[in-house]
Amino acid sequence: MTSTDANTAYTEMDAMNVGALWRHLGDLFPTEPTSRAVPYHWSYRQLRPYMLHFADTLSIEEAQRRVLMLINPGLRDMSATVTGLYAGIQVILPGEQAQAHRHSANAFRFIIEGSGAYTTVAGERVHMSPGDLLLTPGWRWHDHYHEGDGPMMWLDGLDFPLVNALDGAFFELYPDSAQKADVPDDLSSLQFIHGRLNPSWIGERTASSPIGRYPWAETERAFTAIAEHATGSEVDGIALEYTNPFTGGPVLPTMACRVQRLVPGFLGAARRHTASTILHVVRGEGTTMVGEQAINWAEKDVFIVPPWATYQHRNGSTSHDAVLFTYTNEPVVKALSLYREEIL
């Protein structure tokens, strides 16, 4: 040390990439979580014309994936939608083939509109219909093809902001533009979508669900079956979780996916938790108070709740249900013993 003057010492230490902990305690150890992410809402009605514009003017070969990323104003440097999670809206036109590739990040697709398209994941063709949830676990080859009519659009959910923050990302293009299907179409759904009856001959147990597609018809059937017999959660209404049939836990190791039905006039209790949440409106309209901000949502919109932000749902209709699809990074937060929740 060349000087006993404190300011000089701090300057010299900074040049050595050394910091004084006592000067940063408040930033490094806050009294409660502080998120750079802010509450935000994306209107599907406003986004859809841009999707169609680029579908007409940008070829799938140029883009590889024609996606509008939903970027949180507080997380622009990460291209993240909320802490640790990403959402985007993808479009593919009839006759188009999206190049096969794979990446470390886990992904899923929640189908918004259209028919006649499928994704091939690890050799299995998985067909798409509105409301279906399709899984693409990390490092699985996947490509998309549309053989129907009209544009096909879906919500892409990925955990790449977390994967990138951990410096764990890999990416690779498939040698050909598409994979060859080597099992019957939708085989995984046909085998596993039978309540608690799972094929006993499949011995491998994976952290990601083996189901390629959770059909919306099954979700509607579940809602109908319990509609007259359950009031659900005071916060989320009648909320159902898509699960891994092997573990009973989340469908992906880093993301939990749920769908919730808010009955007419529903007003939920306020809650906050340390997981990040992205919500997509399947049908209906309403308002979610996130802190002091009112987010007015309509069918097919997307909005987010940052971690530890207080939120409260209201169904804006007194005659029709509202249905929300949600995904969170709760599995990661719980695995690290960082999950905390309060109902206010």
Protein backbone atom coordinates (compact mmCIF):
# COMPACT_ATOMS: atom_id res chain seq x y z
CA MET A 1 0.00 0.00 0.00
CA THR A 2 1.41 3.36 -1.04
CA SER A 3 -0.76 5.65 1.10
CA THR A 4 -2.73 5.74 4.33
CA ASP A 5 -5.36 8.08 2.82
CA ALA A 6 -8.69 6.18 2.58
CA ASN A 7 -9.74 7.60 -0.81
CA THR A 8 -6.35 6.78 -2.28
CA ALA A 9 -6.58 3.26 -0.85
CA TYR A 10 -9.99 2.72 -2.42
CA THR A 11 -8.71 3.98 -5.79
CA GLU A 12 -5.67 1.71 -5.65
CA MET A 13 -7.78 -1.29 -4.65
CA ASP A 14 -10.22 -0.58 -7.48
CA ALA A 15 -7.33 -0.74 -9.95
CA MET A 16 -6.57 -4.20 -8.53
CA ASN A 17 -10.24 -5.26 -8.88
CA VAL A 18 -10.65 -5.38 -5.12
CA GLY A 19 -13.67 -3.94 -3.33
CA ALA A 20 -14.47 -3.03 0.26
CA LEU A 21 -17.47 -5.08 1.36
CA TRP A 22 -18.54 -2.53 3.98
CA ARG A 23 -19.18 0.01 1.22
CA HIS A 24 -21.63 -2.30 -0.63
CA LEU A 25 -23.48 -4.20 2.08
CA GLY A 26 -26.81 -2.51 1.29
CA ASP A 27 -26.57 -3.42 -2.42
CA LEU A 28 -25.31 -6.99 -1.95
CA PHE A 29 -27.61 -7.93 0.93
CA PRO A 30 -30.92 -6.05 0.45
CA THR A 31 -33.62 -6.36 3.10
CA GLU A 32 -35.93 -7.92 0.48
CA PRO A 33 -35.72 -8.80 -3.23
CA THR A 34 -35.36 -5.92 -5.66
CA SER A 35 -35.93 -6.80 -9.31
CA ARG A 36 -34.76 -4.95 -12.40
CA ALA A 37 -37.80 -6.37 -14.18
CA VAL A 38 -40.90 -4.19 -14.18
CA PRO A 39 -44.56 -5.17 -14.62
CA TYR A 40 -45.39 -5.09 -18.31
CA HIS A 41 -48.15 -6.02 -20.77
CA TRP A 42 -48.08 -6.87 -24.49
CA SER A 43 -51.31 -6.63 -26.49
CA TYR A 44 -51.72 -9.45 -29.00
CA ARG A 45 -54.06 -7.26 -31.04
CA GLN A 46 -51.21 -4.77 -31.48
CA LEU A 47 -48.52 -7.39 -32.10
CA ARG A 48 -50.38 -9.50 -34.65
CA PRO A 49 -50.07 -7.03 -37.59
CA TYR A 50 -46.28 -6.96 -37.09
CA MET A 51 -46.19 -10.75 -37.07
CA LEU A 52 -48.07 -10.88 -40.36
CA HIS A 53 -45.93 -8.10 -41.86
CA PHE A 54 -42.69 -9.99 -41.24
CA ALA A 55 -44.30 -13.26 -42.29
CA ASP A 56 -44.88 -11.65 -45.69
CA THR A 57 -41.60 -9.73 -46.02
CA LEU A 58 -39.00 -11.92 -44.27
CA SER A 59 -38.39 -15.46 -45.47
CA ILE A 60 -38.07 -18.31 -43.00
CA GLU A 61 -34.64 -19.06 -44.50
CA GLU A 62 -33.44 -15.54 -43.65
CA ALA A 63 -34.86 -15.55 -40.14
CA GLN A 64 -34.53 -19.26 -39.22
CA ARG A 65 -37.10 -18.49 -36.50
CA ARG A 66 -39.56 -15.63 -37.19
CA VAL A 67 -40.15 -14.48 -33.61
CA LEU A 68 -41.05 -11.21 -31.91
CA MET A 69 -39.26 -11.18 -28.55
CA LEU A 70 -41.17 -9.73 -25.60
CA ILE A 71 -38.44 -7.79 -23.80
CA ASN A 72 -38.84 -6.29 -20.37
CA PRO A 73 -37.79 -2.60 -20.28
CA GLY A 74 -35.61 -3.35 -17.26
CA LEU A 75 -33.86 -6.35 -18.85
CA ARG A 76 -33.03 -5.19 -22.36
CA ASP A 77 -29.38 -6.21 -22.08
CA MET A 78 -30.49 -9.82 -21.47
CA SER A 79 -33.39 -9.94 -23.98
CA ALA A 80 -35.36 -11.34 -21.02
CA THR A 81 -39.09 -11.01 -20.43
CA VAL A 82 -38.80 -11.30 -16.66
CA THR A 83 -36.01 -12.46 -14.34
CA GLY A 84 -34.67 -15.78 -15.67
CA LEU A 85 -37.41 -16.29 -18.28
CA TYR A 86 -38.18 -15.36 -21.88
CA ALA A 87 -41.33 -15.16 -24.00
CA GLY A 88 -41.72 -14.61 -27.72
CA ILE A 89 -44.44 -14.92 -30.37
CA GLN A 90 -43.51 -17.09 -33.38
CA VAL A 91 -45.23 -17.33 -36.76
CA ILE A 92 -44.88 -19.86 -39.56
CA LEU A 93 -46.75 -19.88 -42.88
CA PRO A 94 -48.13 -22.81 -44.91
CA GLY A 95 -45.41 -24.78 -46.66
CA GLU A 96 -42.59 -23.38 -44.53
CA GLN A 97 -39.94 -25.43 -42.78
CA ALA A 98 -38.07 -23.97 -39.79
CA GLN A 99 -34.48 -25.26 -39.70
CA ALA A 100 -33.79 -28.02 -37.16
CA HIS A 101 -31.50 -27.06 -34.31
CA ARG A 102 -30.93 -27.69 -30.62
CA HIS A 103 -29.84 -25.64 -27.62
CA SER A 104 -29.12 -26.02 -23.93
CA ALA A 105 -32.15 -23.96 -22.94
CA ASN A 106 -35.41 -25.72 -22.16
CA ALA A 107 -38.34 -24.57 -24.27
CA PHE A 108 -42.05 -25.04 -24.80
CA ARG A 109 -44.71 -23.77 -27.19
CA PHE A 110 -48.25 -22.80 -26.23
CA ILE A 111 -50.31 -22.65 -29.41
CA ILE A 112 -52.28 -19.44 -29.97
CA GLU A 113 -53.88 -19.77 -33.40
CA GLY A 114 -53.87 -21.80 -36.59
CA SER A 115 -53.89 -25.48 -37.54
CA GLY A 116 -51.97 -27.94 -39.67
CA ALA A 117 -48.46 -27.44 -38.27
CA TYR A 118 -46.26 -29.75 -36.27
CA THR A 119 -42.91 -29.72 -34.54
CA THR A 120 -40.55 -32.68 -34.68
CA VAL A 121 -38.75 -33.18 -31.36
CA ALA A 122 -36.09 -35.91 -31.13
CA GLY A 123 -37.70 -37.79 -34.02
CA GLU A 124 -41.33 -37.46 -32.91
CA ARG A 125 -43.79 -35.38 -34.88
CA VAL A 126 -45.97 -33.46 -32.43
CA HIS A 127 -49.02 -31.78 -33.95
CA MET A 128 -50.26 -28.33 -32.94
CA SER A 129 -53.74 -27.06 -32.10
CA PRO A 130 -54.75 -23.90 -30.23
CA GLY A 131 -54.34 -24.31 -26.47
CA ASP A 132 -51.90 -27.22 -26.75
CA LEU A 133 -48.70 -27.18 -24.69
CA LEU A 134 -45.70 -28.69 -26.53
CA LEU A 135 -42.41 -29.38 -24.77
CA THR A 136 -38.87 -29.15 -26.12
CA PRO A 137 -36.48 -30.11 -23.29
CA GLY A 138 -32.93 -28.80 -23.50
CA TRP A 139 -30.57 -30.23 -26.12
CA ARG A 140 -33.30 -32.00 -28.12
CA TRP A 141 -33.31 -31.56 -31.90
CA HIS A 142 -36.43 -29.73 -33.05
CA ASP A 143 -37.84 -28.22 -36.25
CA HIS A 144 -41.25 -26.94 -37.36
CA TYR A 145 -43.28 -27.55 -40.49
CA HIS A 146 -46.65 -26.10 -41.56
CA GLU A 147 -48.75 -28.11 -44.00
CA GLY A 148 -52.11 -26.44 -43.27
CA ASP A 149 -53.75 -23.17 -44.29
CA GLY A 150 -53.20 -19.69 -42.89
CA PRO A 151 -50.59 -18.48 -40.41
CA MET A 152 -49.69 -20.56 -37.34
CA MET A 153 -48.71 -18.62 -34.23
CA TRP A 154 -47.60 -19.67 -30.79
CA LEU A 155 -46.04 -18.46 -27.57
CA ASP A 156 -42.41 -19.54 -27.13
CA GLY A 157 -41.25 -19.95 -23.52
CA LEU A 158 -37.56 -20.51 -22.74
CA ASP A 159 -35.17 -20.34 -19.80
CA PHE A 160 -32.20 -19.00 -21.81
CA PRO A 161 -31.76 -15.88 -19.60
CA LEU A 162 -30.95 -18.25 -16.72
CA VAL A 163 -28.83 -20.58 -18.86
CA ASN A 164 -26.85 -17.64 -20.27
CA ALA A 165 -26.37 -16.11 -16.81
CA LEU A 166 -24.81 -19.42 -15.71
CA ASP A 167 -22.59 -19.52 -18.83
CA GLY A 168 -24.09 -22.91 -19.68
CA ALA A 169 -25.39 -22.26 -23.21
CA PHE A 170 -24.64 -24.41 -26.25
CA PHE A 171 -26.28 -24.25 -29.70
CA GLU A 172 -26.03 -26.47 -32.78
CA LEU A 173 -27.67 -26.68 -36.21
CA TYR A 174 -28.88 -30.05 -37.46
CA PRO A 175 -26.96 -31.35 -40.51
CA ASP A 176 -30.16 -31.29 -42.58
CA SER A 177 -33.01 -28.80 -42.62
CA ALA A 178 -35.34 -31.27 -40.91
CA GLN A 179 -35.29 -34.50 -38.95
CA LYS A 180 -36.81 -37.74 -40.12
CA ALA A 181 -39.65 -38.95 -37.93
CA ASP A 182 -38.70 -42.35 -36.49
CA VAL A 183 -41.69 -43.01 -34.18
CA PRO A 184 -45.46 -42.66 -34.72
CA ASP A 185 -46.82 -39.11 -34.61
CA ASP A 186 -47.76 -37.85 -31.11
CA LEU A 187 -46.59 -41.14 -29.60
CA SER A 188 -45.63 -39.65 -26.25
CA SER A 189 -49.06 -38.08 -25.75
CA LEU A 190 -50.81 -41.28 -26.79
CA GLN A 191 -48.77 -43.23 -24.25
CA PHE A 192 -48.94 -40.90 -21.26
CA ILE A 193 -52.15 -38.83 -21.38
CA HIS A 194 -54.19 -41.32 -19.38
CA GLY A 195 -54.45 -39.89 -15.89
CA ARG A 196 -52.17 -41.85 -13.56
CA LEU A 197 -51.72 -44.81 -15.90
CA ASN A 198 -48.17 -44.77 -17.30
CA PRO A 199 -46.47 -47.30 -19.60
CA SER A 200 -44.57 -49.69 -17.34
CA TRP A 201 -42.09 -50.72 -20.05
CA ILE A 202 -40.49 -47.26 -20.24
CA GLY A 203 -37.78 -47.49 -17.64
CA GLU A 204 -35.95 -44.19 -18.09
CA ARG A 205 -37.06 -41.51 -15.64
CA THR A 206 -36.18 -37.99 -16.77
CA ALA A 207 -36.30 -34.59 -15.08
CA SER A 208 -38.23 -33.31 -18.09
CA SER A 209 -41.66 -34.73 -18.82
CA PRO A 210 -41.66 -37.45 -21.51
CA ILE A 211 -44.90 -36.00 -22.93
CA GLY A 212 -44.45 -34.05 -26.14
CA ARG A 213 -47.94 -32.52 -26.25
CA TYR A 214 -50.52 -31.75 -23.59
CA PRO A 215 -53.69 -31.35 -25.72
CA TRP A 216 -56.09 -28.52 -24.92
CA ALA A 217 -58.99 -30.99 -25.21
CA GLU A 218 -57.63 -32.78 -22.11
CA THR A 219 -57.30 -29.47 -20.25
CA GLU A 220 -60.89 -28.54 -21.05
CA ARG A 221 -62.01 -32.00 -19.97
CA ALA A 222 -60.29 -31.54 -16.62
CA PHE A 223 -61.87 -28.11 -16.07
CA THR A 224 -65.30 -29.50 -16.95
CA ALA A 225 -64.91 -32.48 -14.63
CA ILE A 226 -64.10 -30.41 -11.57
CA ALA A 227 -66.12 -27.26 -12.35
CA GLU A 228 -69.00 -28.13 -10.02
CA HIS A 229 -66.91 -29.68 -7.28
CA ALA A 230 -64.06 -27.27 -6.54
CA THR A 231 -63.75 -23.61 -5.69
CA GLY A 232 -60.02 -23.64 -6.23
CA SER A 233 -57.45 -21.27 -4.80
CA GLU A 234 -58.38 -17.93 -3.29
CA VAL A 235 -55.52 -16.45 -5.30
CA ASP A 236 -55.56 -18.30 -8.64
CA GLY A 237 -59.05 -19.76 -8.93
CA ILE A 238 -59.25 -23.29 -10.32
CA ALA A 239 -55.55 -23.73 -11.14
CA LEU A 240 -54.12 -26.91 -12.70
CA GLU A 241 -50.46 -27.79 -13.21
CA TYR A 242 -49.06 -29.66 -16.17
CA THR A 243 -46.91 -32.38 -14.59
CA ASN A 244 -44.20 -34.87 -15.36
CA PRO A 245 -45.89 -38.30 -15.07
CA PHE A 246 -42.71 -39.82 -13.69
CA THR A 247 -42.23 -37.38 -10.83
CA GLY A 248 -45.54 -35.59 -10.40
CA GLY A 249 -43.48 -32.39 -10.48
CA PRO A 250 -42.97 -29.66 -13.10
CA VAL A 251 -42.80 -30.51 -16.80
CA LEU A 252 -39.31 -29.04 -17.15
CA PRO A 253 -36.53 -28.80 -14.54
CA THR A 254 -36.44 -25.01 -14.73
CA MET A 255 -40.04 -24.06 -15.58
CA ALA A 256 -43.45 -24.92 -14.13
CA CYS A 257 -46.50 -24.54 -16.41
CA ARG A 258 -50.04 -24.05 -15.12
CA VAL A 259 -53.46 -23.05 -16.41
CA GLN A 260 -56.09 -21.33 -14.31
CA ARG A 261 -59.82 -20.73 -14.68
CA LEU A 262 -61.23 -17.58 -13.12
CA VAL A 263 -65.00 -17.88 -12.74
CA PRO A 264 -67.22 -14.91 -13.66
CA GLY A 265 -66.67 -11.99 -11.28
CA PHE A 266 -63.63 -13.65 -9.66
CA LEU A 267 -61.52 -11.36 -7.45
CA GLY A 268 -58.46 -13.11 -6.11
CA ALA A 269 -56.57 -12.50 -2.93
CA ALA A 270 -53.33 -10.55 -3.28
CA ARG A 271 -50.08 -12.53 -3.21
CA ARG A 272 -46.36 -12.15 -3.76
CA HIS A 273 -43.61 -14.73 -4.16
CA THR A 274 -39.97 -14.92 -5.16
CA ALA A 275 -40.60 -16.73 -8.47
CA SER A 276 -40.91 -14.86 -11.79
CA THR A 277 -44.20 -15.28 -13.67
CA ILE A 278 -45.28 -14.89 -17.30
CA LEU A 279 -49.01 -15.06 -18.09
CA HIS A 280 -50.82 -15.59 -21.41
CA VAL A 281 -54.55 -14.99 -21.74
CA VAL A 282 -56.20 -18.02 -23.34
CA ARG A 283 -59.64 -16.43 -23.23
CA GLY A 284 -61.55 -13.70 -21.45
CA GLU A 285 -60.56 -10.30 -20.19
CA GLY A 286 -59.77 -8.80 -16.83
CA THR A 287 -57.36 -6.81 -14.72
CA THR A 288 -54.33 -7.79 -12.67
CA MET A 289 -53.03 -5.31 -10.13
CA VAL A 290 -49.23 -5.65 -9.96
CA GLY A 291 -48.14 -3.40 -7.13
CA GLU A 292 -49.81 -0.08 -7.89
CA GLN A 293 -50.04 -0.79 -11.64
CA ALA A 294 -53.30 -2.00 -13.21
CA ILE A 295 -52.72 -4.34 -16.17
CA ASN A 296 -55.87 -4.63 -18.28
CA TRP A 297 -55.63 -7.80 -20.33
CA ALA A 298 -57.63 -9.33 -23.17
CA GLU A 299 -57.61 -12.59 -25.10
CA LYS A 300 -54.17 -13.76 -26.32
CA ASP A 301 -52.28 -10.97 -24.48
CA VAL A 302 -49.09 -11.60 -22.47
CA PHE A 303 -48.10 -9.89 -19.23
CA ILE A 304 -45.58 -10.45 -16.46
CA VAL A 305 -45.27 -10.31 -12.70
CA PRO A 306 -41.71 -9.69 -11.41
CA PRO A 307 -40.47 -11.65 -8.39
CA TRP A 308 -41.73 -10.38 -5.02
CA ALA A 309 -44.24 -8.05 -6.66
CA THR A 310 -47.71 -8.12 -5.13
CA TYR A 311 -50.40 -9.11 -7.62
CA GLN A 312 -54.16 -9.73 -7.66
CA HIS A 313 -56.35 -11.09 -10.49
CA ARG A 314 -59.88 -9.96 -11.39
CA ASN A 315 -62.11 -11.49 -14.07
CA GLY A 316 -63.70 -8.52 -15.82
CA SER A 317 -66.81 -10.46 -16.87
CA THR A 318 -69.78 -11.39 -14.68
CA SER A 319 -70.98 -13.98 -17.21
CA HIS A 320 -67.92 -15.66 -18.76
CA ASP A 321 -64.83 -17.44 -17.49
CA ALA A 322 -61.33 -16.12 -17.99
CA VAL A 323 -58.51 -18.61 -18.53
CA LEU A 324 -54.81 -17.84 -18.04
CA PHE A 325 -51.81 -19.97 -18.98
CA THR A 326 -48.83 -19.21 -16.72
CA TYR A 327 -45.25 -20.30 -16.41
CA THR A 328 -42.70 -19.55 -13.71
CA ASN A 329 -39.13 -20.32 -12.69
CA GLU A 330 -40.44 -21.72 -9.42
CA PRO A 331 -38.61 -25.09 -9.80
CA VAL A 332 -35.23 -23.32 -9.82
CA VAL A 333 -36.10 -20.99 -6.97
CA LYS A 334 -37.35 -23.91 -4.87
CA ALA A 335 -34.34 -26.09 -5.71
CA LEU A 336 -32.11 -23.34 -4.31
CA SER A 337 -34.32 -23.00 -1.19
CA LEU A 338 -35.05 -19.40 -2.13
CA TYR A 339 -38.81 -19.65 -2.55
CA ARG A 340 -40.93 -17.52 -0.26
CA GLU A 341 -44.62 -16.66 -0.60
CA GLU A 342 -47.06 -14.38 1.18
CA ILE A 343 -50.84 -14.08 0.77
CA LEU A 344 -51.76 -10.56 1.78
